[in-house]
PDB file of N, CA and C in Angstrom:
ATOM      1  N   UNK A   1       0.947  -1.191  -0.412  1.00  0.00           N
ATOM      2  CA  UNK A   1      -0.145  -0.349   0.475  1.00  0.00           C
ATOM      3  C   UNK A   1       1.074   1.244  -0.273  1.00  0.00           C
ATOM      4  N   UNK A   2       0.610   1.951  -0.991  1.00  0.00           N
ATOM      5  CA  UNK A   2       1.627   3.444  -0.984  1.00  0.00           C
ATOM      6  C   UNK A   2       1.231   4.392  -0.063  1.00  0.00           C
ATOM      7  N   UNK A   3       1.839   5.347   0.314  1.00  0.00           N
ATOM      8  CA  UNK A   3       1.534   6.331   1.355  1.00  0.00           C
ATOM      9  C   UNK A   3       1.483   7.865   0.479  1.00  0.00           C
ATOM     10  N   UNK A   4       0.780   8.614   0.736  1.00  0.00           N
ATOM     11  CA  UNK A   4       1.072  10.167  -0.086  1.00  0.00           C
ATOM     12  C   UNK A   4       1.408  10.793   1.104  1.00  0.00           C
ATOM     13  N   UNK A   5       2.327  11.925   0.740  1.00  0.00           N
ATOM     14  CA  UNK A   5       2.655  12.390   2.178  1.00  0.00           C
ATOM     15  C   UNK A   5       2.241  13.974   1.329  1.00  0.00           C
ATOM     16  N   UNK A   6       1.601  14.613   2.614  1.00  0.00           N
ATOM     17  CA  UNK A   6       0.664  16.122   2.055  1.00  0.00           C
ATOM     18  C   UNK A   6       1.988  16.986   2.006  1.00  0.00           C
ATOM     19  N   UNK A   7       2.384  18.020   1.105  1.00  0.00           N
ATOM     20  CA  UNK A   7       3.243  19.198   1.761  1.00  0.00           C
ATOM     21  C   UNK A   7       3.247  19.927   2.819  1.00  0.00           C
ATOM     22  N   UNK A   8       4.387  20.086   3.472  1.00  0.00           N
ATOM     23  CA  UNK A   8       4.646  20.795   4.745  1.00  0.00           C
ATOM     24  C   UNK A   8       4.314  22.245   4.155  1.00  0.00           C
ATOM     25  N   UNK A   9       4.355  22.945   4.574  1.00  0.00           N
ATOM     26  CA  UNK A   9       4.451  24.664   4.577  1.00  0.00           C
ATOM     27  C   UNK A   9       5.331  25.005   5.007  1.00  0.00           C
ATOM     28  N   UNK A  10       5.842  25.677   4.600  1.00  0.00           N
ATOM     29  CA  UNK A  10       6.968  26.529   5.056  1.00  0.00           C
ATOM     30  C   UNK A  10       6.518  27.681   6.173  1.00  0.00           C
ATOM     31  N   UNK A  11       7.219  27.751   7.537  1.00  0.00           N
ATOM     32  CA  UNK A  11       7.401  28.812   8.515  1.00  0.00           C
ATOM     33  C   UNK A  11       6.622  30.596   7.755  1.00  0.00           C
ATOM     34  N   UNK A  12       5.337  30.713   8.070  1.00  0.00           N
ATOM     35  CA  UNK A  12       4.985  32.076   7.829  1.00  0.00           C
ATOM     36  C   UNK A  12       4.267  32.124   6.394  1.00  0.00           C
ATOM     37  N   UNK A  13       4.114  30.910   5.715  1.00  0.00           N
ATOM     38  CA  UNK A  13       3.246  30.919   4.918  1.00  0.00           C
ATOM     39  C   UNK A  13       1.716  31.583   5.470  1.00  0.00           C
ATOM     40  N   UNK A  14       0.577  31.624   4.743  1.00  0.00           N
ATOM     41  CA  UNK A  14      -0.422  32.288   5.505  1.00  0.00           C
ATOM     42  C   UNK A  14      -0.255  33.813   5.875  1.00  0.00           C
ATOM     43  N   UNK A  15       1.095  34.188   6.582  1.00  0.00           N
ATOM     44  CA  UNK A  15       0.550  35.388   6.964  1.00  0.00           C
ATOM     45  C   UNK A  15       0.877  36.191   5.703  1.00  0.00           C
ATOM     46  N   UNK A  16       0.386  37.252   6.066  1.00  0.00           N
ATOM     47  CA  UNK A  16       0.251  38.485   5.063  1.00  0.00           C
ATOM     48  C   UNK A  16       1.360  38.992   4.252  1.00  0.00           C
ATOM     49  N   UNK A  17       1.531  39.435   3.053  1.00  0.00           N
ATOM     50  CA  UNK A  17       2.990  39.186   2.325  1.00  0.00           C
ATOM     51  C   UNK A  17       3.306  40.610   2.830  1.00  0.00           C
ATOM     52  N   UNK A  18       4.492  40.765   2.743  1.00  0.00           N
ATOM     53  CA  UNK A  18       5.499  42.173   2.839  1.00  0.00           C
ATOM     54  C   UNK A  18       5.075  42.185   2.041  1.00  0.00           C
ATOM     55  N   UNK A  19       4.697  44.156   1.674  1.00  0.00           N
ATOM     56  CA  UNK A  19       5.155  44.825   0.793  1.00  0.00           C
ATOM     57  C   UNK A  19       4.981  44.276  -1.000  1.00  0.00           C
ATOM     58  N   UNK A  20       4.165  43.865  -1.324  1.00  0.00           N
ATOM     59  CA  UNK A  20       3.327  43.453  -2.195  1.00  0.00           C
ATOM     60  C   UNK A  20       4.025  42.034  -2.864  1.00  0.00           C
ATOM     61  N   UNK A  21       4.971  41.429  -1.690  1.00  0.00           N
ATOM     62  CA  UNK A  21       5.566  40.136  -1.752  1.00  0.00           C
ATOM     63  C   UNK A  21       4.485  39.167  -2.569  1.00  0.00           C
ATOM     64  N   UNK A  22       4.778  38.201  -3.450  1.00  0.00           N
ATOM     65  CA  UNK A  22       4.301  36.766  -3.458  1.00  0.00           C
ATOM     66  C   UNK A  22       4.728  35.916  -3.860  1.00  0.00           C
ATOM     67  N   UNK A  23       5.255  34.950  -2.545  1.00  0.00           N
ATOM     68  CA  UNK A  23       5.822  33.602  -2.768  1.00  0.00           C
ATOM     69  C   UNK A  23       6.573  33.101  -3.887  1.00  0.00           C
ATOM     70  N   UNK A  24       5.157  32.486  -4.651  1.00  0.00           N
ATOM     71  CA  UNK A  24       5.178  32.138  -5.843  1.00  0.00           C
ATOM     72  C   UNK A  24       5.520  32.493  -7.059  1.00  0.00           C
ATOM     73  N   UNK A  25       6.148  33.586  -6.791  1.00  0.00           N
ATOM     74  CA  UNK A  25       7.236  34.326  -7.857  1.00  0.00           C
ATOM     75  C   UNK A  25       8.021  34.862  -7.787  1.00  0.00           C
ATOM     76  N   UNK A  26       8.940  34.455  -6.806  1.00  0.00           N
ATOM     77  CA  UNK A  26      10.396  34.904  -6.317  1.00  0.00           C
ATOM     78  C   UNK A  26      11.047  34.689  -6.913  1.00  0.00           C
ATOM     79  N   UNK A  27      11.640  35.675  -8.183  1.00  0.00           N
ATOM     80  CA  UNK A  27      12.883  35.542  -8.572  1.00  0.00           C
ATOM     81  C   UNK A  27      13.686  36.921  -8.259  1.00  0.00           C
ATOM     82  N   UNK A  28      15.096  37.115  -9.176  1.00  0.00           N
ATOM     83  CA  UNK A  28      15.582  37.973  -9.084  1.00  0.00           C
ATOM     84  C   UNK A  28      14.906  39.615  -9.238  1.00  0.00           C
ATOM     85  N   UNK A  29      14.058  39.514  -9.999  1.00  0.00           N
ATOM     86  CA  UNK A  29      13.041  40.074 -10.447  1.00  0.00           C
ATOM     87  C   UNK A  29      12.219  41.044  -9.512  1.00  0.00           C
ATOM     88  N   UNK A  30      11.583  40.120  -8.897  1.00  0.00           N
ATOM     89  CA  UNK A  30      10.797  40.309  -7.669  1.00  0.00           C
ATOM     90  C   UNK A  30      11.479  40.993  -6.525  1.00  0.00           C
ATOM     91  N   UNK A  31      12.499  39.644  -6.098  1.00  0.00           N
ATOM     92  CA  UNK A  31      13.907  41.167  -5.343  1.00  0.00           C
ATOM     93  C   UNK A  31      13.912  42.414  -5.057  1.00  0.00           C
ATOM     94  N   UNK A  32      14.590  42.547  -6.728  1.00  0.00           N
ATOM     95  CA  UNK A  32      15.264  43.458  -7.280  1.00  0.00           C
ATOM     96  C   UNK A  32      14.318  44.832  -6.802  1.00  0.00           C
ATOM     97  N   UNK A  33      12.834  43.982  -7.687  1.00  0.00           N
ATOM     98  CA  UNK A  33      11.852  45.198  -7.137  1.00  0.00           C
ATOM     99  C   UNK A  33      11.595  45.475  -5.564  1.00  0.00           C
ATOM    100  N   UNK A  34      11.585  44.425  -4.500  1.00  0.00           N
ATOM    101  CA  UNK A  34      11.182  44.906  -3.666  1.00  0.00           C
ATOM    102  C   UNK A  34      12.196  46.202  -2.274  1.00  0.00           C
ATOM    103  N   UNK A  35      13.697  45.583  -3.750  1.00  0.00           N
ATOM    104  CA  UNK A  35      14.601  46.322  -2.800  1.00  0.00           C
ATOM    105  C   UNK A  35      14.636  48.248  -3.457  1.00  0.00           C
ATOM    106  N   UNK A  36      14.207  48.374  -4.592  1.00  0.00           N
ATOM    107  CA  UNK A  36      13.771  49.277  -5.647  1.00  0.00           C
ATOM    108  C   UNK A  36      12.912  50.545  -4.549  1.00  0.00           C
ATOM    109  N   UNK A  37      12.065  49.157  -3.937  1.00  0.00           N
ATOM    110  CA  UNK A  37      10.888  50.280  -3.642  1.00  0.00           C
ATOM    111  C   UNK A  37      11.141  50.932  -1.926  1.00  0.00           C
ATOM    112  N   UNK A  38      12.174  49.993  -1.245  1.00  0.00           N
ATOM    113  CA  UNK A  38      13.072  50.510  -0.179  1.00  0.00           C
ATOM    114  C   UNK A  38      14.079  51.603  -0.409  1.00  0.00           C
ATOM    115  N   UNK A  39      14.691  51.289  -1.776  1.00  0.00           N
ATOM    116  CA  UNK A  39      16.094  52.091  -1.959  1.00  0.00           C
ATOM    117  C   UNK A  39      15.997  52.948  -2.941  1.00  0.00           C
ATOM    118  N   UNK A  40      15.039  53.831  -3.368  1.00  0.00           N
ATOM    119  CA  UNK A  40      14.379  54.216  -4.977  1.00  0.00           C
ATOM    120  C   UNK A  40      15.508  55.172  -5.284  1.00  0.00           C
ATOM    121  N   UNK A  41      16.302  55.712  -4.506  1.00  0.00           N
ATOM    122  CA  UNK A  41      17.700  56.471  -4.745  1.00  0.00           C
ATOM    123  C   UNK A  41      19.000  55.782  -5.243  1.00  0.00           C
ATOM    124  N   UNK A  42      18.842  54.502  -5.229  1.00  0.00           N
ATOM    125  CA  UNK A  42      20.141  53.558  -5.289  1.00  0.00           C
ATOM    126  C   UNK A  42      21.129  53.807  -6.361  1.00  0.00           C
ATOM    127  N   UNK A  43      22.325  54.001  -6.224  1.00  0.00           N
ATOM    128  CA  UNK A  43      22.920  54.457  -7.438  1.00  0.00           C
ATOM    129  C   UNK A  43      23.449  52.807  -8.385  1.00  0.00           C
ATOM    130  N   UNK A  44      23.584  52.270  -7.428  1.00  0.00           N
ATOM    131  CA  UNK A  44      23.459  50.887  -7.685  1.00  0.00           C
ATOM    132  C   UNK A  44      22.850  49.477  -7.048  1.00  0.00           C
ATOM    133  N   UNK A  45      22.254  48.870  -8.091  1.00  0.00           N
ATOM    134  CA  UNK A  45      21.415  47.791  -6.641  1.00  0.00           C
ATOM    135  C   UNK A  45      20.924  46.310  -8.059  1.00  0.00           C
ATOM    136  N   UNK A  46      21.737  45.459  -7.269  1.00  0.00           N
ATOM    137  CA  UNK A  46      21.539  44.255  -8.184  1.00  0.00           C
ATOM    138  C   UNK A  46      21.671  43.032  -7.366  1.00  0.00           C
ATOM    139  N   UNK A  47      20.702  41.893  -7.963  1.00  0.00           N
ATOM    140  CA  UNK A  47      20.455  40.718  -7.265  1.00  0.00           C
ATOM    141  C   UNK A  47      20.841  39.657  -8.157  1.00  0.00           C
ATOM    142  N   UNK A  48      21.798  39.145  -7.489  1.00  0.00           N
ATOM    143  CA  UNK A  48      22.447  37.586  -8.481  1.00  0.00           C
ATOM    144  C   UNK A  48      21.991  36.430  -7.452  1.00  0.00           C
ATOM    145  N   UNK A  49      21.270  35.457  -8.778  1.00  0.00           N
ATOM    146  CA  UNK A  49      20.883  33.950  -7.794  1.00  0.00           C
ATOM    147  C   UNK A  49      22.532  33.116  -8.295  1.00  0.00           C
ATOM    148  N   UNK A  50      22.985  33.315  -6.611  1.00  0.00           N
ATOM    149  CA  UNK A  50      24.355  32.937  -6.367  1.00  0.00           C
ATOM    150  C   UNK A  50      24.464  31.023  -7.535  1.00  0.00           C
ATOM    151  N   UNK A  51      23.605  30.322  -7.207  1.00  0.00           N
ATOM    152  CA  UNK A  51      23.202  28.792  -7.533  1.00  0.00           C
ATOM    153  C   UNK A  51      22.385  28.538  -8.266  1.00  0.00           C
ATOM    154  N   UNK A  52      21.715  29.383  -9.247  1.00  0.00           N
ATOM    155  CA  UNK A  52      20.544  28.818  -9.982  1.00  0.00           C
ATOM    156  C   UNK A  52      19.665  28.286  -9.426  1.00  0.00           C
ATOM    157  N   UNK A  53      19.706  27.969  -8.325  1.00  0.00           N
ATOM    158  CA  UNK A  53      18.131  27.393  -7.670  1.00  0.00           C
ATOM    159  C   UNK A  53      17.255  28.288  -7.073  1.00  0.00           C
ATOM    160  N   UNK A  54      17.614  29.439  -6.836  1.00  0.00           N
ATOM    161  CA  UNK A  54      16.355  30.795  -7.076  1.00  0.00           C
ATOM    162  C   UNK A  54      16.412  31.041  -5.159  1.00  0.00           C
ATOM    163  N   UNK A  55      17.474  30.340  -4.509  1.00  0.00           N
ATOM    164  CA  UNK A  55      17.364  30.661  -3.274  1.00  0.00           C
ATOM    165  C   UNK A  55      18.121  30.632  -2.702  1.00  0.00           C
ATOM    166  N   UNK A  56      19.623  31.418  -3.426  1.00  0.00           N
ATOM    167  CA  UNK A  56      20.694  31.249  -2.669  1.00  0.00           C
ATOM    168  C   UNK A  56      21.784  32.867  -3.290  1.00  0.00           C
ATOM    169  N   UNK A  57      21.067  33.856  -2.711  1.00  0.00           N
ATOM    170  CA  UNK A  57      21.488  35.362  -3.644  1.00  0.00           C
ATOM    171  C   UNK A  57      22.283  36.575  -2.886  1.00  0.00           C
ATOM    172  N   UNK A  58      22.579  37.507  -3.981  1.00  0.00           N
ATOM    173  CA  UNK A  58      23.785  38.016  -3.585  1.00  0.00           C
ATOM    174  C   UNK A  58      23.534  39.377  -3.235  1.00  0.00           C
ATOM    175  N   UNK A  59      22.938  40.233  -2.745  1.00  0.00           N
ATOM    176  CA  UNK A  59      22.481  41.606  -3.015  1.00  0.00           C
ATOM    177  C   UNK A  59      23.842  42.991  -3.155  1.00  0.00           C
ATOM    178  N   UNK A  60      23.525  43.501  -3.668  1.00  0.00           N
ATOM    179  CA  UNK A  60      24.734  44.494  -3.894  1.00  0.00           C
ATOM    180  C   UNK A  60      23.605  46.188  -3.593  1.00  0.00           C
ATOM    181  N   UNK A  61      23.720  47.274  -2.854  1.00  0.00           N
ATOM    182  CA  UNK A  61      23.038  47.751  -2.834  1.00  0.00           C
ATOM    183  C   UNK A  61      24.092  49.043  -2.460  1.00  0.00           C
ATOM    184  N   UNK A  62      23.657  50.505  -3.424  1.00  0.00           N
ATOM    185  CA  UNK A  62      24.866  51.277  -2.954  1.00  0.00           C
ATOM    186  C   UNK A  62      23.885  52.618  -3.305  1.00  0.00           C
ATOM    187  N   UNK A  63      23.752  53.547  -1.552  1.00  0.00           N
ATOM    188  CA  UNK A  63      22.800  54.550  -1.663  1.00  0.00           C
ATOM    189  C   UNK A  63      23.142  55.321  -0.615  1.00  0.00           C
ATOM    190  N   UNK A  64      23.387  56.557  -0.574  1.00  0.00           N
ATOM    191  CA  UNK A  64      23.095  57.655   0.374  1.00  0.00           C
ATOM    192  C   UNK A  64      22.690  57.680   1.530  1.00  0.00           C
ATOM    193  N   UNK A  65      21.281  56.366   1.628  1.00  0.00           N
ATOM    194  CA  UNK A  65      21.129  56.608   2.749  1.00  0.00           C
ATOM    195  C   UNK A  65      21.772  55.564   4.021  1.00  0.00           C
ATOM    196  N   UNK A  66      22.938  54.816   3.257  1.00  0.00           N
ATOM    197  CA  UNK A  66      23.835  53.999   4.196  1.00  0.00           C
ATOM    198  C   UNK A  66      24.835  55.156   5.193  1.00  0.00           C
ATOM    199  N   UNK A  67      25.140  56.226   4.690  1.00  0.00           N
ATOM    200  CA  UNK A  67      25.849  56.842   4.881  1.00  0.00           C
ATOM    201  C   UNK A  67      25.812  57.110   6.454  1.00  0.00           C
ATOM    202  N   UNK A  68      27.105  57.355   7.252  1.00  0.00           N
ATOM    203  CA  UNK A  68      26.759  57.552   8.932  1.00  0.00           C
ATOM    204  C   UNK A  68      26.509  55.909   9.319  1.00  0.00           C
ATOM    205  N   UNK A  69      25.639  54.932   8.989  1.00  0.00           N
ATOM    206  CA  UNK A  69      25.591  53.826   9.681  1.00  0.00           C
ATOM    207  C   UNK A  69      26.508  52.990   9.352  1.00  0.00           C
ATOM    208  N   UNK A  70      25.995  52.165  10.775  1.00  0.00           N
ATOM    209  CA  UNK A  70      27.003  50.796  10.759  1.00  0.00           C
ATOM    210  C   UNK A  70      26.684  49.990   9.750  1.00  0.00           C
ATOM    211  N   UNK A  71      27.775  49.201   9.293  1.00  0.00           N
ATOM    212  CA  UNK A  71      27.844  47.891   8.640  1.00  0.00           C
ATOM    213  C   UNK A  71      26.571  47.098   9.018  1.00  0.00           C
ATOM    214  N   UNK A  72      25.670  46.826  10.099  1.00  0.00           N
ATOM    215  CA  UNK A  72      25.014  46.445  10.718  1.00  0.00           C
ATOM    216  C   UNK A  72      23.511  47.034  10.216  1.00  0.00           C
ATOM    217  N   UNK A  73      23.560  47.951  10.516  1.00  0.00           N
ATOM    218  CA  UNK A  73      22.150  49.144  10.550  1.00  0.00           C
ATOM    219  C   UNK A  73      22.136  48.618   8.787  1.00  0.00           C
ATOM    220  N   UNK A  74      22.760  48.904   7.826  1.00  0.00           N
ATOM    221  CA  UNK A  74      22.897  49.027   6.710  1.00  0.00           C
ATOM    222  C   UNK A  74      22.360  47.311   6.660  1.00  0.00           C
ATOM    223  N   UNK A  75      22.793  46.357   6.661  1.00  0.00           N
ATOM    224  CA  UNK A  75      22.253  45.213   6.279  1.00  0.00           C
ATOM    225  C   UNK A  75      20.958  45.489   7.292  1.00  0.00           C
ATOM    226  N   UNK A  76      20.255  45.537   7.891  1.00  0.00           N
ATOM    227  CA  UNK A  76      18.966  45.496   8.910  1.00  0.00           C
ATOM    228  C   UNK A  76      18.086  46.465   7.675  1.00  0.00           C
ATOM    229  N   UNK A  77      18.871  47.316   7.361  1.00  0.00           N
ATOM    230  CA  UNK A  77      17.581  47.878   6.068  1.00  0.00           C
ATOM    231  C   UNK A  77      17.217  47.191   5.122  1.00  0.00           C
ATOM    232  N   UNK A  78      18.722  46.246   4.564  1.00  0.00           N
ATOM    233  CA  UNK A  78      18.163  45.415   3.916  1.00  0.00           C
ATOM    234  C   UNK A  78      17.260  44.480   3.863  1.00  0.00           C
ATOM    235  N   UNK A  79      17.031  43.823   5.725  1.00  0.00           N
ATOM    236  CA  UNK A  79      16.273  42.567   5.506  1.00  0.00           C
ATOM    237  C   UNK A  79      15.211  43.236   5.035  1.00  0.00           C
ATOM    238  N   UNK A  80      14.959  44.246   6.210  1.00  0.00           N
ATOM    239  CA  UNK A  80      13.516  44.647   6.010  1.00  0.00           C
ATOM    240  C   UNK A  80      13.282  44.674   5.175  1.00  0.00           C
ATOM    241  N   UNK A  81      14.245  45.375   3.790  1.00  0.00           N
ATOM    242  CA  UNK A  81      13.020  45.036   2.513  1.00  0.00           C
ATOM    243  C   UNK A  81      13.189  43.734   1.882  1.00  0.00           C
ATOM    244  N   UNK A  82      13.441  42.548   2.579  1.00  0.00           N
ATOM    245  CA  UNK A  82      13.403  41.680   1.873  1.00  0.00           C
ATOM    246  C   UNK A  82      12.712  40.708   2.669  1.00  0.00           C
ATOM    247  N   UNK A  83      11.838  41.341   3.710  1.00  0.00           N
ATOM    248  CA  UNK A  83      11.227  40.434   5.121  1.00  0.00           C
ATOM    249  C   UNK A  83      10.746  39.328   4.454  1.00  0.00           C
ATOM    250  N   UNK A  84       9.210  39.563   3.701  1.00  0.00           N
ATOM    251  CA  UNK A  84       8.483  38.945   2.898  1.00  0.00           C
ATOM    252  C   UNK A  84       9.247  37.829   2.643  1.00  0.00           C
ATOM    253  N   UNK A  85      10.308  37.181   1.676  1.00  0.00           N
ATOM    254  CA  UNK A  85      10.863  36.352   1.451  1.00  0.00           C
ATOM    255  C   UNK A  85      11.648  35.836   2.315  1.00  0.00           C
ATOM    256  N   UNK A  86      12.183  36.259   3.297  1.00  0.00           N
ATOM    257  CA  UNK A  86      13.323  36.008   4.698  1.00  0.00           C
ATOM    258  C   UNK A  86      12.301  35.032   5.034  1.00  0.00           C
ATOM    259  N   UNK A  87      11.174  35.499   5.500  1.00  0.00           N
ATOM    260  CA  UNK A  87      10.346  35.045   6.810  1.00  0.00           C
ATOM    261  C   UNK A  87       9.783  33.585   6.186  1.00  0.00           C
ATOM    262  N   UNK A  88       9.268  33.585   5.069  1.00  0.00           N
ATOM    263  CA  UNK A  88       8.767  32.169   4.714  1.00  0.00           C
ATOM    264  C   UNK A  88       9.828  31.582   3.776  1.00  0.00           C
ATOM    265  N   UNK A  89      10.893  31.698   3.863  1.00  0.00           N
ATOM    266  CA  UNK A  89      11.765  30.365   3.753  1.00  0.00           C
ATOM    267  C   UNK A  89      12.464  30.221   2.254  1.00  0.00           C
ATOM    268  N   UNK A  90      11.878  31.392   1.371  1.00  0.00           N
ATOM    269  CA  UNK A  90      12.211  31.104   0.101  1.00  0.00           C
ATOM    270  C   UNK A  90      13.568  31.984  -0.530  1.00  0.00           C
ATOM    271  N   UNK A  91      14.265  32.732   0.178  1.00  0.00           N
ATOM    272  CA  UNK A  91      15.642  33.144   0.255  1.00  0.00           C
ATOM    273  C   UNK A  91      16.241  32.099   1.495  1.00  0.00           C
ATOM    274  N   UNK A  92      16.986  31.335   1.069  1.00  0.00           N
ATOM    275  CA  UNK A  92      17.677  30.365   2.029  1.00  0.00           C
ATOM    276  C   UNK A  92      18.901  30.790   2.495  1.00  0.00           C
ATOM    277  N   UNK A  93      19.756  31.117   1.554  1.00  0.00           N
ATOM    278  CA  UNK A  93      20.870  32.018   2.025  1.00  0.00           C
ATOM    279  C   UNK A  93      21.036  33.623   1.312  1.00  0.00           C
ATOM    280  N   UNK A  94      21.669  34.786   2.002  1.00  0.00           N
ATOM    281  CA  UNK A  94      21.673  36.176   1.381  1.00  0.00           C
ATOM    282  C   UNK A  94      23.001  36.989   1.954  1.00  0.00           C
ATOM    283  N   UNK A  95      23.717  36.676   0.839  1.00  0.00           N
ATOM    284  CA  UNK A  95      25.170  37.925   0.951  1.00  0.00           C
ATOM    285  C   UNK A  95      24.684  39.446   0.779  1.00  0.00           C
ATOM    286  N   UNK A  96      24.804  40.235   1.344  1.00  0.00           N
ATOM    287  CA  UNK A  96      24.562  41.465   1.121  1.00  0.00           C
ATOM    288  C   UNK A  96      26.115  42.142   1.228  1.00  0.00           C
ATOM    289  N   UNK A  97      26.013  42.819   0.066  1.00  0.00           N
ATOM    290  CA  UNK A  97      26.902  44.387  -0.171  1.00  0.00           C
ATOM    291  C   UNK A  97      26.728  45.813   0.269  1.00  0.00           C
ATOM    292  N   UNK A  98      27.173  46.349   0.930  1.00  0.00           N
ATOM    293  CA  UNK A  98      25.926  47.404   0.993  1.00  0.00           C
ATOM    294  C   UNK A  98      27.722  48.499   1.322  1.00  0.00           C
ATOM    295  N   UNK A  99      26.880  49.756   0.837  1.00  0.00           N
ATOM    296  CA  UNK A  99      27.966  51.275   0.499  1.00  0.00           C
ATOM    297  C   UNK A  99      26.906  52.611   0.678  1.00  0.00           C
ATOM    298  N   UNK A 100      27.506  53.305   0.873  1.00  0.00           N
ATOM    299  CA  UNK A 100      26.642  54.802   0.985  1.00  0.00           C
ATOM    300  C   UNK A 100      27.457  55.700  -0.038  1.00  0.00           C
ATOM    301  N   UNK A 101      27.016  56.605  -1.048  1.00  0.00           N
ATOM    302  CA  UNK A 101      27.866  56.832  -1.920  1.00  0.00           C
ATOM    303  C   UNK A 101      28.822  58.474  -1.695  1.00  0.00           C
ATOM    304  N   UNK A 102      29.844  57.356  -2.020  1.00  0.00           N
ATOM    305  CA  UNK A 102      31.014  58.853  -1.595  1.00  0.00           C
ATOM    306  C   UNK A 102      30.899  60.153  -2.111  1.00  0.00           C
TER     307      UNK A 102
END
């Protein structure tokens, strides 16, 4: 007799989406859109899928908003921008590079 397993939902699924985030279409374009929403004046903004699996990303953000902030404070702003995909487990690993404009 075969057994069927139901999909186990990831933590955070069913909660309200963060700022227009839809977990069913998480791509580099969607992540970039979330970052552009939070950093509209960014001089540089890039999202790279490091492994091609859609869950390991590197983001690069250059924005005057980071000037005078510690690295931890800068990264906290990026985490806030990507709260939805981080909460539901869509982003498994995230590398962040931030800098203020000189």
